[in-house]
C-alpha atoms as a PDB file:
ATOM      1  CA  MET A   1       0.000   0.000   0.000  1.00  0.00           C
ATOM      2  CA  ILE A   2       1.283   3.503  -0.859  1.00  0.00           C
ATOM      3  CA  ARG A   3       1.574   5.746   2.167  1.00  0.00           C
ATOM      4  CA  THR A   4       1.101   9.340   1.074  1.00  0.00           C
ATOM      5  CA  ALA A   5       2.731  12.128   3.040  1.00  0.00           C
ATOM      6  CA  GLU A   6       0.795  15.170   4.257  1.00  0.00           C
ATOM      7  CA  PRO A   7      -0.358  17.807   1.740  1.00  0.00           C
ATOM      8  CA  ALA A   8       2.211  20.399   0.747  1.00  0.00           C
ATOM      9  CA  ASP A   9       1.034  23.566   2.486  1.00  0.00           C
ATOM     10  CA  SER A  10       3.045  26.418   3.902  1.00  0.00           C
ATOM     11  CA  THR A  11       2.332  25.430   7.509  1.00  0.00           C
ATOM     12  CA  SER A  12       3.580  21.849   7.194  1.00  0.00           C
ATOM     13  CA  PRO A  13       7.090  21.328   8.615  1.00  0.00           C
ATOM     14  CA  LEU A  14       7.755  18.937   5.746  1.00  0.00           C
ATOM     15  CA  SER A  15       7.325  21.795   3.257  1.00  0.00           C
ATOM     16  CA  LYS A  16      10.759  23.093   4.251  1.00  0.00           C
ATOM     17  CA  GLN A  17      12.517  19.760   3.887  1.00  0.00           C
ATOM     18  CA  VAL A  18      15.139  19.373   1.166  1.00  0.00           C
ATOM     19  CA  TYR A  19      16.408  15.986   0.057  1.00  0.00           C
ATOM     20  CA  GLU A  20      19.559  15.387  -1.942  1.00  0.00           C
ATOM     21  CA  VAL A  21      20.116  12.229  -3.981  1.00  0.00           C
ATOM     22  CA  THR A  22      23.627  11.325  -5.167  1.00  0.00           C
ATOM     23  CA  THR A  23      24.104   8.485  -7.637  1.00  0.00           C
ATOM     24  CA  PRO A  24      27.077   6.639  -9.101  1.00  0.00           C
ATOM     25  CA  GLY A  25      27.806   6.572 -12.827  1.00  0.00           C
ATOM     26  CA  ARG A  26      27.050   3.517 -14.939  1.00  0.00           C
ATOM     27  CA  LEU A  27      29.306   1.600 -17.298  1.00  0.00           C
ATOM     28  CA  HIS A  28      27.631  -0.781 -19.752  1.00  0.00           C
ATOM     29  CA  PHE A  29      29.844  -3.401 -21.367  1.00  0.00           C
ATOM     30  CA  GLY A  30      27.269  -4.706 -23.832  1.00  0.00           C
ATOM     31  CA  MET A  31      23.945  -6.434 -24.346  1.00  0.00           C
ATOM     32  CA  LEU A  32      23.351 -10.167 -24.339  1.00  0.00           C
ATOM     33  CA  SER A  33      20.619 -10.502 -26.950  1.00  0.00           C
ATOM     34  CA  PHE A  34      18.494  -8.637 -29.439  1.00  0.00           C
ATOM     35  CA  GLY A  35      15.964  -9.460 -32.107  1.00  0.00           C
ATOM     36  CA  GLN A  36      15.219 -13.102 -31.332  1.00  0.00           C
ATOM     37  CA  PRO A  37      11.491 -13.768 -31.843  1.00  0.00           C
ATOM     38  CA  TYR A  38      11.269 -15.714 -28.580  1.00  0.00           C
ATOM     39  CA  GLY A  39      13.115 -15.348 -25.319  1.00  0.00           C
ATOM     40  CA  ARG A  40      14.633 -12.306 -23.703  1.00  0.00           C
ATOM     41  CA  SER A  41      15.836  -9.118 -25.364  1.00  0.00           C
ATOM     42  CA  PHE A  42      18.618  -6.769 -24.319  1.00  0.00           C
ATOM     43  CA  GLY A  43      20.046  -7.886 -20.970  1.00  0.00           C
ATOM     44  CA  GLY A  44      23.671  -7.175 -20.276  1.00  0.00           C
ATOM     45  CA  LEU A  45      26.607  -6.579 -18.003  1.00  0.00           C
ATOM     46  CA  GLY A  46      27.807  -3.356 -16.431  1.00  0.00           C
ATOM     47  CA  ALA A  47      29.328  -1.759 -13.365  1.00  0.00           C
ATOM     48  CA  MET A  48      28.905   1.380 -11.299  1.00  0.00           C
ATOM     49  CA  ILE A  49      31.656   3.928 -10.694  1.00  0.00           C
ATOM     50  CA  ALA A  50      31.911   6.635  -8.070  1.00  0.00           C
ATOM     51  CA  GLY A  51      32.065  10.350  -8.773  1.00  0.00           C
ATOM     52  CA  CYS A  52      30.538  10.178 -12.253  1.00  0.00           C
ATOM     53  CA  GLY A  53      26.837  10.270 -11.427  1.00  0.00           C
ATOM     54  CA  VAL A  54      24.233  12.929 -10.734  1.00  0.00           C
ATOM     55  CA  ARG A  55      23.384  14.942  -7.634  1.00  0.00           C
ATOM     56  CA  VAL A  56      19.934  16.477  -7.333  1.00  0.00           C
ATOM     57  CA  ARG A  57      17.999  18.302  -4.618  1.00  0.00           C
ATOM     58  CA  LEU A  58      14.227  18.312  -4.305  1.00  0.00           C
ATOM     59  CA  ARG A  59      11.813  20.245  -2.131  1.00  0.00           C
ATOM     60  CA  ARG A  60       8.040  20.499  -2.070  1.00  0.00           C
ATOM     61  CA  SER A  61       6.303  23.062  -4.215  1.00  0.00           C
ATOM     62  CA  THR A  62       2.830  23.747  -5.582  1.00  0.00           C
ATOM     63  CA  SER A  63       4.215  23.746  -9.156  1.00  0.00           C
ATOM     64  CA  PHE A  64       6.991  21.925 -10.966  1.00  0.00           C
ATOM     65  CA  SER A  65      10.205  23.847 -11.576  1.00  0.00           C
ATOM     66  CA  VAL A  66      13.836  22.989 -12.135  1.00  0.00           C
ATOM     67  CA  VAL A  67      17.214  24.696 -11.995  1.00  0.00           C
ATOM     68  CA  SER A  68      19.199  22.956 -14.740  1.00  0.00           C
ATOM     69  CA  HIS A  69      19.769  22.781 -18.474  1.00  0.00           C
ATOM     70  CA  VAL A  70      17.943  19.415 -18.392  1.00  0.00           C
ATOM     71  CA  GLY A  71      14.795  21.060 -17.089  1.00  0.00           C
ATOM     72  CA  GLU A  72      12.206  19.636 -19.464  1.00  0.00           C
ATOM     73  CA  ARG A  73      13.425  16.082 -18.939  1.00  0.00           C
ATOM     74  CA  ALA A  74      13.564  16.453 -15.147  1.00  0.00           C
ATOM     75  CA  ILE A  75      10.064  17.911 -14.884  1.00  0.00           C
ATOM     76  CA  GLY A  76       8.716  15.185 -17.149  1.00  0.00           C
ATOM     77  CA  VAL A  77      10.090  12.509 -14.809  1.00  0.00           C
ATOM     78  CA  ALA A  78       8.605  14.186 -11.730  1.00  0.00           C
ATOM     79  CA  GLN A  79       5.212  14.500 -13.417  1.00  0.00           C
ATOM     80  CA  ARG A  80       5.321  10.851 -14.469  1.00  0.00           C
ATOM     81  CA  CYS A  81       6.072   9.796 -10.895  1.00  0.00           C
ATOM     82  CA  ALA A  82       3.244  11.923  -9.535  1.00  0.00           C
ATOM     83  CA  ALA A  83       0.833  10.276 -11.965  1.00  0.00           C
ATOM     84  CA  ALA A  84       2.142   6.775 -11.186  1.00  0.00           C
ATOM     85  CA  TRP A  85       1.604   7.293  -7.455  1.00  0.00           C
ATOM     86  CA  GLY A  86      -1.770   8.989  -7.811  1.00  0.00           C
ATOM     87  CA  LEU A  87      -0.659  12.277  -6.262  1.00  0.00           C
ATOM     88  CA  ASP A  88      -2.878  15.338  -6.522  1.00  0.00           C
ATOM     89  CA  GLU A  89      -2.177  18.395  -8.664  1.00  0.00           C
ATOM     90  CA  HIS A  90      -0.614  20.281  -5.736  1.00  0.00           C
ATOM     91  CA  SER A  91       1.992  17.581  -5.058  1.00  0.00           C
ATOM     92  CA  CYS A  92       4.789  19.137  -7.077  1.00  0.00           C
ATOM     93  CA  CYS A  93       8.462  19.812  -6.461  1.00  0.00           C
ATOM     94  CA  GLU A  94      11.303  22.163  -7.127  1.00  0.00           C
ATOM     95  CA  ILE A  95      14.303  20.310  -8.552  1.00  0.00           C
ATOM     96  CA  GLU A  96      17.853  21.587  -8.466  1.00  0.00           C
ATOM     97  CA  VAL A  97      20.379  19.574 -10.461  1.00  0.00           C
ATOM     98  CA  LYS A  98      23.631  20.223  -8.609  1.00  0.00           C
ATOM     99  CA  GLU A  99      25.876  17.905 -10.639  1.00  0.00           C
ATOM    100  CA  ILE A 100      25.375  16.019 -13.879  1.00  0.00           C
ATOM    101  CA  PRO A 101      27.942  14.585 -16.299  1.00  0.00           C
ATOM    102  CA  ARG A 102      27.832  15.365 -19.973  1.00  0.00           C
ATOM    103  CA  GLN A 103      24.927  13.406 -21.424  1.00  0.00           C
ATOM    104  CA  HIS A 104      24.914  10.746 -24.147  1.00  0.00           C
ATOM    105  CA  ILE A 105      28.507   9.642 -23.645  1.00  0.00           C
ATOM    106  CA  GLY A 106      27.897   6.172 -22.191  1.00  0.00           C
ATOM    107  CA  LEU A 107      27.556   6.861 -18.455  1.00  0.00           C
ATOM    108  CA  GLY A 108      23.824   6.219 -18.148  1.00  0.00           C
ATOM    109  CA  THR A 109      23.088   9.758 -17.002  1.00  0.00           C
ATOM    110  CA  GLY A 110      19.446   9.691 -18.074  1.00  0.00           C
ATOM    111  CA  THR A 111      18.550   6.705 -15.918  1.00  0.00           C
ATOM    112  CA  GLN A 112      20.453   7.977 -12.883  1.00  0.00           C
ATOM    113  CA  LEU A 113      18.778  11.387 -13.152  1.00  0.00           C
ATOM    114  CA  ALA A 114      15.307   9.889 -13.553  1.00  0.00           C
ATOM    115  CA  VAL A 115      15.571   7.389 -10.712  1.00  0.00           C
ATOM    116  CA  ALA A 116      17.147  10.021  -8.446  1.00  0.00           C
ATOM    117  CA  ILE A 117      14.172  12.330  -9.050  1.00  0.00           C
ATOM    118  CA  ALA A 118      11.807   9.443  -8.390  1.00  0.00           C
ATOM    119  CA  ALA A 119      13.602   8.718  -5.113  1.00  0.00           C
ATOM    120  CA  GLY A 120      13.295  12.351  -4.030  1.00  0.00           C
ATOM    121  CA  MET A 121       9.626  12.527  -4.994  1.00  0.00           C
ATOM    122  CA  GLN A 122       8.958   9.311  -3.123  1.00  0.00           C
ATOM    123  CA  ARG A 123      10.480  10.706   0.078  1.00  0.00           C
ATOM    124  CA  LEU A 124       8.628  14.004  -0.288  1.00  0.00           C
ATOM    125  CA  TYR A 125       5.172  12.623  -0.984  1.00  0.00           C
ATOM    126  CA  VAL A 126       4.961   8.853  -0.595  1.00  0.00           C
ATOM    127  CA  GLU A 127       7.103   7.845   2.350  1.00  0.00           C
ATOM    128  CA  GLY A 128       6.976  11.053   4.358  1.00  0.00           C
ATOM    129  CA  SER A 129       9.630  11.440   7.058  1.00  0.00           C
ATOM    130  CA  GLY A 130      12.326   8.808   7.451  1.00  0.00           C
ATOM    131  CA  GLN A 131      15.993   8.341   8.251  1.00  0.00           C
ATOM    132  CA  PRO A 132      18.231  11.340   7.462  1.00  0.00           C
ATOM    133  CA  GLU A 133      20.231   9.078   5.130  1.00  0.00           C
ATOM    134  CA  GLN A 134      18.807   6.318   2.979  1.00  0.00           C
ATOM    135  CA  THR A 135      20.245   3.744   0.582  1.00  0.00           C
ATOM    136  CA  TYR A 136      18.334   1.456  -1.747  1.00  0.00           C
ATOM    137  CA  THR A 137      18.041  -2.188  -2.681  1.00  0.00           C
ATOM    138  CA  ALA A 138      17.796  -3.481  -6.225  1.00  0.00           C
ATOM    139  CA  LYS A 139      14.081  -4.076  -5.631  1.00  0.00           C
ATOM    140  CA  ASP A 140      13.627  -0.483  -4.463  1.00  0.00           C
ATOM    141  CA  ALA A 141      15.376   0.808  -7.562  1.00  0.00           C
ATOM    142  CA  ALA A 142      13.237  -1.294  -9.896  1.00  0.00           C
ATOM    143  CA  ALA A 143      10.057   0.153  -8.370  1.00  0.00           C
ATOM    144  CA  LEU A 144      11.390   3.705  -8.677  1.00  0.00           C
ATOM    145  CA  ALA A 145      12.446   3.111 -12.284  1.00  0.00           C
ATOM    146  CA  GLN A 146       9.003   1.807 -13.140  1.00  0.00           C
ATOM    147  CA  ALA A 147       7.407   4.979 -11.775  1.00  0.00           C
ATOM    148  CA  ALA A 148       9.937   7.108 -13.668  1.00  0.00           C
ATOM    149  CA  GLY A 149       9.484   5.220 -16.942  1.00  0.00           C
ATOM    150  CA  ARG A 150      13.046   3.884 -17.159  1.00  0.00           C
ATOM    151  CA  GLY A 151      14.413   0.414 -17.927  1.00  0.00           C
ATOM    152  CA  LEU A 152      12.838   0.198 -21.382  1.00  0.00           C
ATOM    153  CA  ARG A 153      15.928  -1.608 -22.669  1.00  0.00           C
ATOM    154  CA  SER A 154      18.824  -1.969 -20.251  1.00  0.00           C
ATOM    155  CA  SER A 155      18.252  -2.261 -16.510  1.00  0.00           C
ATOM    156  CA  VAL A 156      21.937  -2.257 -15.529  1.00  0.00           C
ATOM    157  CA  GLY A 157      21.762   1.363 -14.389  1.00  0.00           C
ATOM    158  CA  VAL A 158      18.507   0.744 -12.554  1.00  0.00           C
ATOM    159  CA  TYR A 159      19.957  -2.040 -10.417  1.00  0.00           C
ATOM    160  CA  GLY A 160      23.244  -0.176 -10.068  1.00  0.00           C
ATOM    161  CA  PHE A 161      21.353   2.771  -8.608  1.00  0.00           C
ATOM    162  CA  GLY A 162      20.029   0.413  -5.971  1.00  0.00           C
ATOM    163  CA  ALA A 163      23.126  -1.499  -4.969  1.00  0.00           C
ATOM    164  CA  GLY A 164      26.205  -0.476  -6.933  1.00  0.00           C
ATOM    165  CA  GLY A 165      28.785  -3.076  -7.899  1.00  0.00           C
ATOM    166  CA  MET A 166      28.864  -5.240 -11.012  1.00  0.00           C
ATOM    167  CA  ILE A 167      25.434  -5.976 -12.423  1.00  0.00           C
ATOM    168  CA  LEU A 168      24.222  -8.759 -14.707  1.00  0.00           C
ATOM    169  CA  GLU A 169      20.597  -8.554 -15.805  1.00  0.00           C
ATOM    170  CA  ALA A 170      18.740 -11.079 -17.939  1.00  0.00           C
ATOM    171  CA  GLY A 171      16.887  -8.906 -20.436  1.00  0.00           C
ATOM    172  CA  LYS A 172      13.129  -8.594 -20.845  1.00  0.00           C
ATOM    173  CA  LEU A 173      10.459 -10.974 -21.993  1.00  0.00           C
ATOM    174  CA  GLN A 174       7.588  -9.423 -23.902  1.00  0.00           C
ATOM    175  CA  GLY A 175       5.308  -7.735 -21.384  1.00  0.00           C
ATOM    176  CA  GLU A 176       7.914  -7.361 -18.650  1.00  0.00           C
ATOM    177  CA  VAL A 177       8.440  -3.811 -17.401  1.00  0.00           C
ATOM    178  CA  ILE A 178      11.883  -4.241 -15.829  1.00  0.00           C
ATOM    179  CA  ALA A 179      14.327  -7.027 -16.658  1.00  0.00           C
ATOM    180  CA  PRO A 180      15.128  -9.348 -13.743  1.00  0.00           C
ATOM    181  CA  LEU A 181      18.434  -9.047 -11.923  1.00  0.00           C
ATOM    182  CA  VAL A 182      20.619 -12.147 -12.332  1.00  0.00           C
ATOM    183  CA  SER A 183      23.550 -11.202 -10.137  1.00  0.00           C
ATOM    184  CA  ARG A 184      25.153  -8.297  -8.344  1.00  0.00           C
ATOM    185  CA  ALA A 185      28.757  -8.560  -7.132  1.00  0.00           C
ATOM    186  CA  PRO A 186      30.856  -6.038  -5.213  1.00  0.00           C
ATOM    187  CA  LEU A 187      34.147  -5.053  -6.803  1.00  0.00           C
ATOM    188  CA  PRO A 188      37.441  -4.806  -4.888  1.00  0.00           C
ATOM    189  CA  GLU A 189      37.945  -1.451  -3.196  1.00  0.00           C
ATOM    190  CA  GLY A 190      41.431  -0.981  -4.623  1.00  0.00           C
ATOM    191  CA  TRP A 191      40.545  -1.474  -8.272  1.00  0.00           C
ATOM    192  CA  ARG A 192      40.193   1.599 -10.461  1.00  0.00           C
ATOM    193  CA  VAL A 193      38.965   2.595 -13.880  1.00  0.00           C
ATOM    194  CA  VAL A 194      40.455   5.189 -16.170  1.00  0.00           C
ATOM    195  CA  LEU A 195      37.705   6.842 -18.155  1.00  0.00           C
ATOM    196  CA  PHE A 196      38.538   8.293 -21.584  1.00  0.00           C
ATOM    197  CA  VAL A 197      35.804  10.485 -23.094  1.00  0.00           C
ATOM    198  CA  GLN A 198      36.362  12.166 -26.437  1.00  0.00           C
ATOM    199  CA  ARG A 199      35.279  15.795 -26.338  1.00  0.00           C
ATOM    200  CA  GLU A 200      32.501  17.384 -28.398  1.00  0.00           C
ATOM    201  CA  VAL A 201      30.920  14.140 -29.593  1.00  0.00           C
ATOM    202  CA  GLU A 202      27.884  12.188 -28.449  1.00  0.00           C
ATOM    203  CA  GLY A 203      26.703   8.604 -28.646  1.00  0.00           C
ATOM    204  CA  LEU A 204      23.426   7.611 -30.224  1.00  0.00           C
ATOM    205  CA  HIS A 205      20.289   8.591 -28.341  1.00  0.00           C
ATOM    206  CA  GLY A 206      16.651   9.424 -28.896  1.00  0.00           C
ATOM    207  CA  ASP A 207      15.301   8.918 -32.423  1.00  0.00           C
ATOM    208  CA  ALA A 208      18.755   8.106 -33.822  1.00  0.00           C
ATOM    209  CA  GLU A 209      19.177   5.279 -31.336  1.00  0.00           C
ATOM    210  CA  ARG A 210      15.708   3.924 -32.018  1.00  0.00           C
ATOM    211  CA  THR A 211      16.472   3.963 -35.747  1.00  0.00           C
ATOM    212  CA  ALA A 212      19.744   2.145 -35.167  1.00  0.00           C
ATOM    213  CA  PHE A 213      18.033  -0.586 -33.139  1.00  0.00           C
ATOM    214  CA  ALA A 214      15.350  -0.949 -35.800  1.00  0.00           C
ATOM    215  CA  GLY A 215      18.063  -1.697 -38.359  1.00  0.00           C
ATOM    216  CA  LEU A 216      19.955  -4.281 -36.312  1.00  0.00           C
ATOM    217  CA  GLU A 217      19.927  -7.948 -37.204  1.00  0.00           C
ATOM    218  CA  GLN A 218      19.160 -10.435 -34.468  1.00  0.00           C
ATOM    219  CA  VAL A 219      22.018 -11.528 -32.233  1.00  0.00           C
ATOM    220  CA  PRO A 220      22.870 -15.185 -32.883  1.00  0.00           C
ATOM    221  CA  LEU A 221      22.091 -17.514 -30.011  1.00  0.00           C
ATOM    222  CA  GLU A 222      25.674 -18.728 -30.059  1.00  0.00           C
ATOM    223  CA  LEU A 223      26.934 -15.216 -29.407  1.00  0.00           C
ATOM    224  CA  THR A 224      24.450 -14.744 -26.549  1.00  0.00           C
ATOM    225  CA  ALA A 225      25.599 -18.048 -25.076  1.00  0.00           C
ATOM    226  CA  GLU A 226      29.258 -17.026 -25.146  1.00  0.00           C
ATOM    227  CA  LEU A 227      28.555 -13.611 -23.648  1.00  0.00           C
ATOM    228  CA  THR A 228      26.560 -15.281 -20.891  1.00  0.00           C
ATOM    229  CA  ARG A 229      29.372 -17.732 -20.260  1.00  0.00           C
ATOM    230  CA  LEU A 230      31.917 -14.929 -20.013  1.00  0.00           C
ATOM    231  CA  ALA A 231      29.739 -13.001 -17.582  1.00  0.00           C
ATOM    232  CA  VAL A 232      28.664 -15.891 -15.357  1.00  0.00           C
ATOM    233  CA  MET A 233      31.721 -18.116 -15.428  1.00  0.00           C
ATOM    234  CA  GLU A 234      34.578 -15.633 -15.779  1.00  0.00           C
ATOM    235  CA  ILE A 235      33.813 -11.982 -15.011  1.00  0.00           C
ATOM    236  CA  LEU A 236      31.582 -12.283 -11.946  1.00  0.00           C
ATOM    237  CA  PRO A 237      33.636 -15.043 -10.252  1.00  0.00           C
ATOM    238  CA  ALA A 238      36.856 -13.107 -10.893  1.00  0.00           C
ATOM    239  CA  ALA A 239      35.315  -9.974  -9.379  1.00  0.00           C
ATOM    240  CA  ILE A 240      34.161 -11.857  -6.289  1.00  0.00           C
ATOM    241  CA  ALA A 241      37.537 -13.560  -5.842  1.00  0.00           C
ATOM    242  CA  ALA A 242      39.480 -10.350  -6.649  1.00  0.00           C
ATOM    243  CA  ARG A 243      41.402 -12.050  -9.466  1.00  0.00           C
ATOM    244  CA  PHE A 244      42.251  -8.959 -11.441  1.00  0.00           C
ATOM    245  CA  THR A 245      44.060 -10.513 -14.407  1.00  0.00           C
ATOM    246  CA  ASP A 246      41.204 -12.910 -15.125  1.00  0.00           C
ATOM    247  CA  PHE A 247      38.654 -10.142 -14.655  1.00  0.00           C
ATOM    248  CA  ALA A 248      40.426  -7.709 -16.969  1.00  0.00           C
ATOM    249  CA  ALA A 249      40.973 -10.222 -19.775  1.00  0.00           C
ATOM    250  CA  ALA A 250      37.337 -11.312 -19.651  1.00  0.00           C
ATOM    251  CA  ILE A 251      36.073  -7.713 -19.725  1.00  0.00           C
ATOM    252  CA  THR A 252      38.043  -7.104 -22.935  1.00  0.00           C
ATOM    253  CA  ALA A 253      36.746 -10.309 -24.489  1.00  0.00           C
ATOM    254  CA  TYR A 254      33.163  -9.517 -23.484  1.00  0.00           C
ATOM    255  CA  GLY A 255      33.323  -5.969 -24.810  1.00  0.00           C
ATOM    256  CA  LYS A 256      34.720  -6.988 -28.185  1.00  0.00           C
ATOM    257  CA  LEU A 257      32.179  -9.772 -28.619  1.00  0.00           C
ATOM    258  CA  ALA A 258      29.212  -7.670 -27.456  1.00  0.00           C
ATOM    259  CA  GLY A 259      30.159  -4.963 -29.948  1.00  0.00           C
ATOM    260  CA  LYS A 260      29.978  -7.213 -33.006  1.00  0.00           C
ATOM    261  CA  PRO A 261      26.202  -6.889 -33.652  1.00  0.00           C
ATOM    262  CA  PHE A 262      26.567  -3.100 -33.496  1.00  0.00           C
ATOM    263  CA  GLU A 263      29.644  -2.792 -35.736  1.00  0.00           C
ATOM    264  CA  LYS A 264      27.871  -1.325 -38.772  1.00  0.00           C
ATOM    265  CA  ALA A 265      25.947   1.249 -36.740  1.00  0.00           C
ATOM    266  CA  SER A 266      28.994   2.109 -34.618  1.00  0.00           C
ATOM    267  CA  ALA A 267      31.264   2.534 -37.643  1.00  0.00           C
ATOM    268  CA  ARG A 268      29.181   5.528 -38.755  1.00  0.00           C
ATOM    269  CA  LEU A 269      29.675   7.401 -35.488  1.00  0.00           C
ATOM    270  CA  PRO A 270      32.071  10.378 -35.685  1.00  0.00           C
ATOM    271  CA  TYR A 271      34.369   9.014 -32.972  1.00  0.00           C
ATOM    272  CA  ALA A 272      34.619   5.433 -34.299  1.00  0.00           C
ATOM    273  CA  GLU A 273      38.094   5.821 -35.750  1.00  0.00           C
ATOM    274  CA  ALA A 274      39.458   7.545 -32.635  1.00  0.00           C
ATOM    275  CA  THR A 275      37.995   4.814 -30.425  1.00  0.00           C
ATOM    276  CA  GLY A 276      39.665   2.131 -32.527  1.00  0.00           C
ATOM    277  CA  LYS A 277      43.016   3.899 -32.233  1.00  0.00           C
ATOM    278  CA  LEU A 278      42.536   4.264 -28.478  1.00  0.00           C
ATOM    279  CA  PHE A 279      41.927   0.518 -28.175  1.00  0.00           C
ATOM    280  CA  GLU A 280      45.117  -0.135 -30.137  1.00  0.00           C
ATOM    281  CA  TRP A 281      47.078   2.220 -27.889  1.00  0.00           C
ATOM    282  CA  LEU A 282      45.727   0.586 -24.715  1.00  0.00           C
ATOM    283  CA  ASP A 283      46.682  -2.799 -26.076  1.00  0.00           C
ATOM    284  CA  LEU A 284      50.221  -1.594 -26.832  1.00  0.00           C
ATOM    285  CA  GLN A 285      50.485  -0.270 -23.265  1.00  0.00           C
ATOM    286  CA  GLY A 286      49.768  -3.741 -21.959  1.00  0.00           C
ATOM    287  CA  VAL A 287      46.368  -2.781 -20.529  1.00  0.00           C
ATOM    288  CA  GLN A 288      44.569  -6.067 -20.013  1.00  0.00           C
ATOM    289  CA  GLY A 289      41.015  -4.814 -19.539  1.00  0.00           C
ATOM    290  CA  TYR A 290      39.261  -2.201 -21.648  1.00  0.00           C
ATOM    291  CA  ALA A 291      35.904  -1.687 -23.339  1.00  0.00           C
ATOM    292  CA  GLN A 292      33.573   0.958 -24.687  1.00  0.00           C
ATOM    293  CA  SER A 293      30.642   1.837 -22.458  1.00  0.00           C
ATOM    294  CA  SER A 294      27.318   1.554 -24.289  1.00  0.00           C
ATOM    295  CA  TRP A 295      27.433   3.534 -27.574  1.00  0.00           C
ATOM    296  CA  GLY A 296      30.389   5.546 -26.256  1.00  0.00           C
ATOM    297  CA  PRO A 297      32.302   7.720 -26.742  1.00  0.00           C
ATOM    298  CA  ALA A 298      33.319   6.736 -23.189  1.00  0.00           C
ATOM    299  CA  VAL A 299      36.036   4.096 -23.099  1.00  0.00           C
ATOM    300  CA  VAL A 300      37.072   2.513 -19.839  1.00  0.00           C
ATOM    301  CA  ALA A 301      40.340   0.824 -18.898  1.00  0.00           C
ATOM    302  CA  VAL A 302      40.361  -1.231 -15.695  1.00  0.00           C
ATOM    303  CA  CYS A 303      43.408  -0.983 -13.428  1.00  0.00           C
ATOM    304  CA  GLU A 304      44.424  -3.014 -10.391  1.00  0.00           C
ATOM    305  CA  SER A 305      45.393   0.000  -8.266  1.00  0.00           C
ATOM    306  CA  GLN A 306      45.400   3.776  -8.019  1.00  0.00           C
ATOM    307  CA  LEU A 307      49.099   3.772  -8.877  1.00  0.00           C
ATOM    308  CA  SER A 308      48.633   1.811 -12.100  1.00  0.00           C
ATOM    309  CA  ALA A 309      45.723   4.084 -13.041  1.00  0.00           C
ATOM    310  CA  GLU A 310      47.853   7.182 -12.478  1.00  0.00           C
ATOM    311  CA  SER A 311      50.661   5.660 -14.556  1.00  0.00           C
ATOM    312  CA  LEU A 312      48.238   5.008 -17.407  1.00  0.00           C
ATOM    313  CA  VAL A 313      46.945   8.587 -17.324  1.00  0.00           C
ATOM    314  CA  ALA A 314      50.521   9.909 -17.325  1.00  0.00           C
ATOM    315  CA  ALA A 315      51.383   7.763 -20.353  1.00  0.00           C
ATOM    316  CA  ALA A 316      48.223   8.943 -22.106  1.00  0.00           C
ATOM    317  CA  GLU A 317      49.179  12.571 -21.540  1.00  0.00           C
ATOM    318  CA  VAL A 318      52.624  11.948 -23.000  1.00  0.00           C
ATOM    319  CA  ALA A 319      51.003  10.265 -26.003  1.00  0.00           C
ATOM    320  CA  GLY A 320      48.813  13.331 -26.572  1.00  0.00           C
ATOM    321  CA  LEU A 321      45.518  11.663 -25.783  1.00  0.00           C
ATOM    322  CA  GLY A 322      44.660  14.544 -23.486  1.00  0.00           C
ATOM    323  CA  ASP A 323      44.389  16.803 -26.547  1.00  0.00           C
ATOM    324  CA  ARG A 324      41.198  15.029 -27.590  1.00  0.00           C
ATOM    325  CA  HIS A 325      39.977  13.192 -24.493  1.00  0.00           C
ATOM    326  CA  ASP A 326      38.907  14.077 -21.004  1.00  0.00           C
ATOM    327  CA  MET A 327      40.489  11.534 -18.662  1.00  0.00           C
ATOM    328  CA  ARG A 328      39.401  10.609 -15.163  1.00  0.00           C
ATOM    329  CA  ILE A 329      40.336   8.008 -12.565  1.00  0.00           C
ATOM    330  CA  ALA A 330      37.410   6.582 -10.619  1.00  0.00           C
ATOM    331  CA  PRO A 331      36.882   3.793  -8.092  1.00  0.00           C
ATOM    332  CA  PHE A 332      34.101   1.287  -8.525  1.00  0.00           C
ATOM    333  CA  ASP A 333      30.992   2.024  -6.488  1.00  0.00           C
ATOM    334  CA  ASN A 334      29.608  -0.736  -4.267  1.00  0.00           C
ATOM    335  CA  ARG A 335      26.913   1.268  -2.494  1.00  0.00           C
ATOM    336  CA  GLY A 336      24.576   2.742  -5.064  1.00  0.00           C
ATOM    337  CA  ALA A 337      22.606   5.933  -4.640  1.00  0.00           C
ATOM    338  CA  VAL A 338      22.251   7.763  -1.333  1.00  0.00           C
ATOM    339  CA  LEU A 339      19.444  10.105  -0.260  1.00  0.00           C
ATOM    340  CA  ARG A 340      20.205  12.630   2.486  1.00  0.00           C
ATOM    341  CA  ASP A 341      18.133  15.201   4.321  1.00  0.00           C
ATOM    342  CA  VAL A 342      20.001  18.464   3.633  1.00  0.00           C
ATOM    343  CA  SER A 343      17.312  20.851   4.912  1.00  0.00           C
ATOM    344  CA  ASP A 344      19.654  22.569   7.372  1.00  0.00           C
ATOM    345  CA  GLU A 345      22.404  22.928   4.801  1.00  0.00           C
ATOM    346  CA  ALA A 346      19.982  24.321   2.220  1.00  0.00           C
ATOM    347  CA  ALA A 347      18.599  26.810   4.740  1.00  0.00           C
ATOM    348  CA  GLU A 348      22.113  28.057   5.567  1.00  0.00           C
ATOM    349  CA  GLY A 349      22.972  28.359   1.883  1.00  0.00           C
END
């Protein structure tokens, strides 16, 4: 049963409450299946990284408003949540997007933003008062994503919002709203990723992405089987056992194999040639684990330590990669999103 908080009037103490939701960023290493007439579609493997997500603040209001360049999208999510939960026309919110990465580069920003707004709306109007800090389970995140209208294809970012770590999801059967979670594994605290993002280019999204999917041929069952084997029998066990070499090699193999059905569509992207050269350079440097995240342009190299990550960035700078790419070192995130009551901080600010 949905428990609805008190109406948003000026005399309610809750009307002054401000909640901040901070999410990790999402890496997606590739889908398991697409286009088969029976069985599951999409699915896939990914991981969450710290410091590359979104941070939003929400407070009650009698109308929807947003402080951000993604205003229309943010308000649309909040309105969708209000409708999903049966809230009245006065149950609105003011949204302030404090931090958001560049969109459409492969970090799953849209899902993290949408589910973060849903989480804030839920605390404001559905749950009412609660703990000053809240984390989420995978089940929580799936419910929030459903209200926000996310998870139409991949649910890696949905489950990563809830729990962090490495995520394997099965893909959707016809009629399913959110794909089921197969496994979630924490990643070793010392491991790092180096993120390479080519400037001034974007991956496919919106109508262009829908058109690309419409033109894809079905993924052969044999390819799906091998991707599943890599994920279940190599990548996840290596992550759990902290066997870095095995993990890194399997990530590279998975990424290359998962990219094959998308080769024709990807080859037309403006950064395709640069990404290929970056892969070649990483290979020459002896980097064992690397892959493109989603459509890119984000490319991730996995490193066993902060020191090895710093050495890779230094070598990249010497090679001139910094002229074209933004580079960032990030730890994996094993917690997922966090909601905090920042009412006092907001009042002081």
